[in-house]
Amino acid sequence: MAMKINITLCIIICFQLINCTVPKKSSTPDYSVIEQIQIDRENGNISTDDYYTFLTYSVFAQELLPKKYNGKLGQHDATPIIMQIKRAFPTLSQKTQKHLRQWINPLPPKPNKQGVKQ
């Protein structure tokens, strides 16, 4: 009888120890890759050129994203992302523009309005 009690107590103690050593699930939110990239830009962790490069990769070449961003892409419509990149295209470095041209065609220049001097 005493042996059964000892075994039972050992089992209870083992389960308690296991529960204490199992890592708790993180309370940090589960962000999508796009959200992670945006947060890093807002926090100054990545440059503007990297931001638009990573956004481009998230749409066209996920395998090129840094491992840090290898998470869930989430459901997203690529059109607003592509338009955002196209609008920012002239502000990016020449090197970044050249690299992104394989996926993004920049917006054409705005037409001149008649009668407006440049």
N, C-alpha and C. Protein backbone atom coordinates (compact mmCIF):
# COMPACT_ATOMS: atom_id res chain seq x y z
N MET A 1 0.83 -1.19 0.00
CA MET A 1 0.00 0.00 0.00
C MET A 1 0.87 1.25 0.00
N ALA A 2 1.90 1.25 0.83
CA ALA A 2 2.80 2.40 0.91
C ALA A 2 3.52 2.61 -0.42
N MET A 3 3.81 1.50 -1.11
CA MET A 3 4.48 1.60 -2.39
C MET A 3 3.60 2.29 -3.42
N LYS A 4 2.29 1.97 -3.42
CA LYS A 4 1.35 2.62 -4.35
C LYS A 4 1.27 4.11 -4.08
N ILE A 5 1.29 4.50 -2.82
CA ILE A 5 1.22 5.92 -2.45
C ILE A 5 2.50 6.62 -2.92
N ASN A 6 3.65 5.97 -2.73
CA ASN A 6 4.92 6.57 -3.17
C ASN A 6 4.95 6.75 -4.69
N ILE A 7 4.49 5.75 -5.41
CA ILE A 7 4.46 5.84 -6.88
C ILE A 7 3.50 6.94 -7.31
N THR A 8 2.34 7.01 -6.67
CA THR A 8 1.36 8.04 -7.00
C THR A 8 1.95 9.43 -6.73
N LEU A 9 2.61 9.59 -5.59
CA LEU A 9 3.23 10.88 -5.26
C LEU A 9 4.32 11.24 -6.27
N CYS A 10 5.11 10.25 -6.67
CA CYS A 10 6.16 10.49 -7.67
C CYS A 10 5.56 10.95 -9.00
N ILE A 11 4.48 10.30 -9.40
CA ILE A 11 3.81 10.68 -10.64
C ILE A 11 3.28 12.11 -10.55
N ILE A 12 2.66 12.45 -9.44
CA ILE A 12 2.12 13.80 -9.25
C ILE A 12 3.25 14.83 -9.28
N ILE A 13 4.35 14.53 -8.59
CA ILE A 13 5.48 15.46 -8.56
C ILE A 13 6.08 15.61 -9.96
N CYS A 14 6.20 14.53 -10.69
CA CYS A 14 6.75 14.59 -12.06
C CYS A 14 5.88 15.47 -12.96
N PHE A 15 4.57 15.29 -12.89
CA PHE A 15 3.67 16.10 -13.71
C PHE A 15 3.79 17.58 -13.33
N GLN A 16 3.94 17.86 -12.04
CA GLN A 16 4.10 19.24 -11.59
C GLN A 16 5.40 19.82 -12.14
N LEU A 17 6.47 19.05 -12.11
CA LEU A 17 7.75 19.53 -12.64
C LEU A 17 7.69 19.75 -14.14
N ILE A 18 7.03 18.85 -14.84
CA ILE A 18 6.88 19.00 -16.29
C ILE A 18 6.10 20.26 -16.61
N ASN A 19 5.01 20.50 -15.90
CA ASN A 19 4.21 21.69 -16.13
C ASN A 19 4.99 22.97 -15.86
N CYS A 20 5.91 22.94 -14.92
CA CYS A 20 6.70 24.13 -14.59
C CYS A 20 7.77 24.39 -15.64
N THR A 21 8.26 23.33 -16.29
CA THR A 21 9.35 23.51 -17.24
C THR A 21 8.89 23.67 -18.67
N VAL A 22 7.65 23.40 -18.97
CA VAL A 22 7.14 23.57 -20.32
C VAL A 22 7.03 25.06 -20.59
N PRO A 23 7.64 25.54 -21.70
CA PRO A 23 7.57 26.97 -21.98
C PRO A 23 6.13 27.40 -22.22
N LYS A 24 5.81 28.52 -21.65
CA LYS A 24 4.47 29.07 -21.82
C LYS A 24 4.36 29.71 -23.20
N LYS A 25 3.20 29.69 -23.75
CA LYS A 25 2.96 30.31 -25.04
C LYS A 25 3.15 31.81 -24.90
N SER A 26 3.83 32.37 -25.86
CA SER A 26 4.13 33.80 -25.82
C SER A 26 2.85 34.62 -25.88
N SER A 27 2.85 35.71 -25.14
CA SER A 27 1.68 36.58 -25.16
C SER A 27 1.77 37.64 -26.26
N THR A 28 2.87 37.61 -27.05
CA THR A 28 3.00 38.57 -28.13
C THR A 28 2.06 38.18 -29.25
N PRO A 29 1.47 39.16 -29.90
CA PRO A 29 0.53 38.86 -30.98
C PRO A 29 1.22 38.16 -32.14
N ASP A 30 0.46 37.41 -32.88
CA ASP A 30 0.96 36.67 -34.02
C ASP A 30 0.76 37.54 -35.27
N TYR A 31 1.80 38.30 -35.64
CA TYR A 31 1.71 39.22 -36.77
C TYR A 31 1.98 38.51 -38.08
N SER A 32 1.36 38.99 -39.14
CA SER A 32 1.66 38.49 -40.48
C SER A 32 3.00 39.08 -40.92
N VAL A 33 3.55 38.55 -41.99
CA VAL A 33 4.83 39.03 -42.51
C VAL A 33 4.71 40.52 -42.88
N ILE A 34 3.63 40.90 -43.53
CA ILE A 34 3.44 42.30 -43.93
C ILE A 34 3.42 43.20 -42.69
N GLU A 35 2.72 42.78 -41.65
CA GLU A 35 2.67 43.57 -40.42
C GLU A 35 4.05 43.66 -39.76
N GLN A 36 4.80 42.56 -39.78
CA GLN A 36 6.15 42.57 -39.21
C GLN A 36 7.04 43.56 -39.95
N ILE A 37 6.94 43.56 -41.26
CA ILE A 37 7.75 44.48 -42.08
C ILE A 37 7.37 45.92 -41.77
N GLN A 38 6.07 46.19 -41.69
CA GLN A 38 5.62 47.55 -41.38
C GLN A 38 6.07 47.99 -39.99
N ILE A 39 5.99 47.11 -39.01
CA ILE A 39 6.41 47.43 -37.65
C ILE A 39 7.91 47.73 -37.63
N ASP A 40 8.70 46.92 -38.33
CA ASP A 40 10.14 47.16 -38.36
C ASP A 40 10.48 48.50 -39.01
N ARG A 41 9.74 48.88 -40.03
CA ARG A 41 9.98 50.19 -40.66
C ARG A 41 9.61 51.32 -39.70
N GLU A 42 8.44 51.19 -39.06
CA GLU A 42 7.99 52.23 -38.12
C GLU A 42 8.96 52.38 -36.96
N ASN A 43 9.58 51.28 -36.53
CA ASN A 43 10.54 51.31 -35.42
C ASN A 43 11.95 51.68 -35.87
N GLY A 44 12.14 51.89 -37.17
CA GLY A 44 13.46 52.25 -37.67
C GLY A 44 14.43 51.10 -37.76
N ASN A 45 13.93 49.88 -37.74
CA ASN A 45 14.80 48.70 -37.80
C ASN A 45 15.23 48.35 -39.22
N ILE A 46 14.51 48.84 -40.21
CA ILE A 46 14.88 48.62 -41.61
C ILE A 46 14.76 49.94 -42.36
N SER A 47 15.54 50.07 -43.42
CA SER A 47 15.52 51.29 -44.23
C SER A 47 14.29 51.31 -45.12
N THR A 48 14.04 52.46 -45.71
CA THR A 48 12.91 52.59 -46.64
C THR A 48 13.11 51.67 -47.84
N ASP A 49 14.34 51.62 -48.36
CA ASP A 49 14.61 50.74 -49.50
C ASP A 49 14.34 49.27 -49.13
N ASP A 50 14.81 48.86 -47.95
CA ASP A 50 14.55 47.48 -47.51
C ASP A 50 13.06 47.24 -47.34
N TYR A 51 12.35 48.21 -46.80
CA TYR A 51 10.90 48.08 -46.60
C TYR A 51 10.21 47.75 -47.92
N TYR A 52 10.47 48.54 -48.95
CA TYR A 52 9.80 48.30 -50.23
C TYR A 52 10.33 47.04 -50.92
N THR A 53 11.59 46.72 -50.70
CA THR A 53 12.13 45.47 -51.25
C THR A 53 11.44 44.28 -50.60
N PHE A 54 11.30 44.29 -49.27
CA PHE A 54 10.65 43.18 -48.58
C PHE A 54 9.17 43.08 -48.93
N LEU A 55 8.51 44.23 -49.12
CA LEU A 55 7.11 44.18 -49.57
C LEU A 55 7.03 43.51 -50.94
N THR A 56 7.95 43.87 -51.83
CA THR A 56 7.97 43.25 -53.16
C THR A 56 8.19 41.76 -53.05
N TYR A 57 9.14 41.36 -52.22
CA TYR A 57 9.39 39.93 -52.02
C TYR A 57 8.15 39.23 -51.47
N SER A 58 7.41 39.90 -50.59
CA SER A 58 6.24 39.26 -49.98
C SER A 58 5.18 38.94 -51.02
N VAL A 59 5.19 39.68 -52.11
CA VAL A 59 4.21 39.43 -53.17
C VAL A 59 4.76 38.48 -54.23
N PHE A 60 6.02 38.69 -54.64
CA PHE A 60 6.54 37.98 -55.81
C PHE A 60 7.59 36.90 -55.51
N ALA A 61 8.30 37.01 -54.40
CA ALA A 61 9.42 36.10 -54.17
C ALA A 61 9.61 35.86 -52.68
N GLN A 62 8.66 35.19 -52.06
CA GLN A 62 8.70 34.97 -50.61
C GLN A 62 10.00 34.28 -50.16
N GLU A 63 10.57 33.47 -51.03
CA GLU A 63 11.79 32.75 -50.65
C GLU A 63 12.98 33.70 -50.45
N LEU A 64 12.89 34.93 -50.94
CA LEU A 64 13.98 35.89 -50.78
C LEU A 64 13.87 36.72 -49.49
N LEU A 65 12.75 36.59 -48.80
CA LEU A 65 12.60 37.33 -47.55
C LEU A 65 13.60 36.83 -46.51
N PRO A 66 14.14 37.73 -45.68
CA PRO A 66 15.01 37.27 -44.59
C PRO A 66 14.25 36.29 -43.70
N LYS A 67 14.97 35.38 -43.08
CA LYS A 67 14.35 34.35 -42.24
C LYS A 67 13.45 34.95 -41.17
N LYS A 68 13.79 36.14 -40.72
CA LYS A 68 12.99 36.82 -39.70
C LYS A 68 11.53 36.96 -40.14
N TYR A 69 11.31 37.09 -41.45
CA TYR A 69 9.97 37.30 -41.98
C TYR A 69 9.36 36.03 -42.57
N ASN A 70 9.93 34.89 -42.29
CA ASN A 70 9.37 33.64 -42.79
C ASN A 70 8.25 33.18 -41.86
N GLY A 71 7.13 33.82 -41.97
CA GLY A 71 5.96 33.47 -41.18
C GLY A 71 4.77 33.38 -42.11
N LYS A 72 3.62 33.59 -41.52
CA LYS A 72 2.41 33.51 -42.34
C LYS A 72 2.24 34.84 -43.10
N LEU A 73 1.98 34.70 -44.37
CA LEU A 73 1.75 35.89 -45.18
C LEU A 73 0.37 36.45 -44.92
N GLY A 74 -0.52 35.60 -44.50
CA GLY A 74 -1.89 36.06 -44.29
C GLY A 74 -2.55 36.31 -45.63
N GLN A 75 -3.82 36.46 -45.60
CA GLN A 75 -4.52 36.75 -46.84
C GLN A 75 -4.41 38.24 -47.10
N HIS A 76 -3.90 38.56 -48.26
CA HIS A 76 -3.80 39.97 -48.62
C HIS A 76 -3.98 40.11 -50.12
N ASP A 77 -4.48 41.25 -50.50
CA ASP A 77 -4.62 41.59 -51.90
C ASP A 77 -3.32 42.28 -52.30
N ALA A 78 -2.64 41.75 -53.29
CA ALA A 78 -1.34 42.27 -53.68
C ALA A 78 -1.45 43.63 -54.37
N THR A 79 -2.59 43.96 -54.95
CA THR A 79 -2.72 45.20 -55.71
C THR A 79 -2.38 46.44 -54.88
N PRO A 80 -2.91 46.62 -53.68
CA PRO A 80 -2.54 47.83 -52.92
C PRO A 80 -1.04 47.86 -52.57
N ILE A 81 -0.45 46.72 -52.33
CA ILE A 81 0.98 46.67 -52.02
C ILE A 81 1.78 47.09 -53.24
N ILE A 82 1.42 46.55 -54.40
CA ILE A 82 2.12 46.89 -55.63
C ILE A 82 1.97 48.37 -55.94
N MET A 83 0.78 48.93 -55.77
CA MET A 83 0.56 50.36 -56.02
C MET A 83 1.38 51.20 -55.04
N GLN A 84 1.47 50.78 -53.81
CA GLN A 84 2.27 51.50 -52.81
C GLN A 84 3.74 51.52 -53.23
N ILE A 85 4.24 50.40 -53.71
CA ILE A 85 5.63 50.31 -54.16
C ILE A 85 5.84 51.18 -55.40
N LYS A 86 4.89 51.14 -56.32
CA LYS A 86 5.02 51.95 -57.54
C LYS A 86 5.04 53.44 -57.22
N ARG A 87 4.21 53.87 -56.26
CA ARG A 87 4.20 55.29 -55.89
C ARG A 87 5.52 55.70 -55.25
N ALA A 88 6.11 54.80 -54.49
CA ALA A 88 7.36 55.12 -53.79
C ALA A 88 8.59 54.92 -54.67
N PHE A 89 8.42 54.30 -55.79
CA PHE A 89 9.54 53.90 -56.65
C PHE A 89 10.53 55.04 -56.91
N PRO A 90 10.08 56.26 -57.29
CA PRO A 90 11.04 57.33 -57.57
C PRO A 90 11.87 57.76 -56.35
N THR A 91 11.40 57.45 -55.15
CA THR A 91 12.12 57.86 -53.94
C THR A 91 13.19 56.85 -53.53
N LEU A 92 13.20 55.69 -54.17
CA LEU A 92 14.15 54.63 -53.82
C LEU A 92 15.49 54.86 -54.52
N SER A 93 16.53 54.28 -53.97
CA SER A 93 17.86 54.40 -54.57
C SER A 93 17.86 53.77 -55.95
N GLN A 94 18.80 54.20 -56.78
CA GLN A 94 18.91 53.64 -58.13
C GLN A 94 19.17 52.13 -58.08
N LYS A 95 19.98 51.72 -57.12
CA LYS A 95 20.29 50.29 -56.98
C LYS A 95 19.02 49.50 -56.66
N THR A 96 18.21 50.01 -55.73
CA THR A 96 16.96 49.32 -55.37
C THR A 96 15.98 49.34 -56.53
N GLN A 97 15.87 50.47 -57.22
CA GLN A 97 14.98 50.54 -58.38
C GLN A 97 15.37 49.50 -59.42
N LYS A 98 16.66 49.41 -59.70
CA LYS A 98 17.13 48.44 -60.70
C LYS A 98 16.78 47.01 -60.28
N HIS A 99 16.97 46.73 -58.99
CA HIS A 99 16.67 45.38 -58.48
C HIS A 99 15.18 45.08 -58.55
N LEU A 100 14.34 46.05 -58.18
CA LEU A 100 12.89 45.80 -58.13
C LEU A 100 12.23 45.79 -59.50
N ARG A 101 12.89 46.33 -60.53
CA ARG A 101 12.29 46.36 -61.88
C ARG A 101 11.96 44.96 -62.41
N GLN A 102 12.60 43.95 -61.89
CA GLN A 102 12.27 42.60 -62.38
C GLN A 102 10.87 42.18 -61.96
N TRP A 103 10.30 42.87 -60.97
CA TRP A 103 8.94 42.56 -60.51
C TRP A 103 7.98 43.74 -60.66
N ILE A 104 8.50 44.95 -60.49
CA ILE A 104 7.65 46.14 -60.45
C ILE A 104 7.98 47.06 -61.61
N ASN A 105 6.97 47.42 -62.38
CA ASN A 105 7.13 48.45 -63.40
C ASN A 105 6.71 49.77 -62.79
N PRO A 106 7.62 50.75 -62.75
CA PRO A 106 7.24 52.02 -62.12
C PRO A 106 6.09 52.69 -62.85
N LEU A 107 5.37 53.52 -62.12
CA LEU A 107 4.28 54.27 -62.74
C LEU A 107 4.86 55.22 -63.78
N PRO A 108 4.14 55.43 -64.88
CA PRO A 108 4.63 56.40 -65.87
C PRO A 108 4.56 57.81 -65.27
N PRO A 109 5.38 58.73 -65.78
CA PRO A 109 5.31 60.09 -65.26
C PRO A 109 3.93 60.70 -65.53
N LYS A 110 3.56 61.60 -64.63
CA LYS A 110 2.26 62.26 -64.80
C LYS A 110 2.31 63.14 -66.04
N PRO A 111 1.24 63.13 -66.83
CA PRO A 111 1.22 63.98 -68.03
C PRO A 111 1.16 65.46 -67.63
N ASN A 112 1.79 66.26 -68.45
CA ASN A 112 1.74 67.70 -68.21
C ASN A 112 0.35 68.24 -68.54
N LYS A 113 -0.10 69.16 -67.71
CA LYS A 113 -1.38 69.80 -68.00
C LYS A 113 -1.13 70.91 -69.00
N GLN A 114 -2.02 71.02 -69.94
CA GLN A 114 -1.88 72.04 -70.96
C GLN A 114 -1.96 73.42 -70.32
N GLY A 115 -1.07 74.31 -70.74
CA GLY A 115 -1.09 75.66 -70.25
C GLY A 115 -0.34 75.85 -68.95
N VAL A 116 0.21 74.76 -68.38
CA VAL A 116 0.96 74.88 -67.14
C VAL A 116 2.44 74.82 -67.46
N LYS A 117 3.18 75.86 -67.05
CA LYS A 117 4.62 75.90 -67.31
C LYS A 117 5.35 75.08 -66.25
N GLN A 118 6.40 74.45 -66.70
CA GLN A 118 7.17 73.60 -65.77
C GLN A 118 8.38 74.33 -65.28
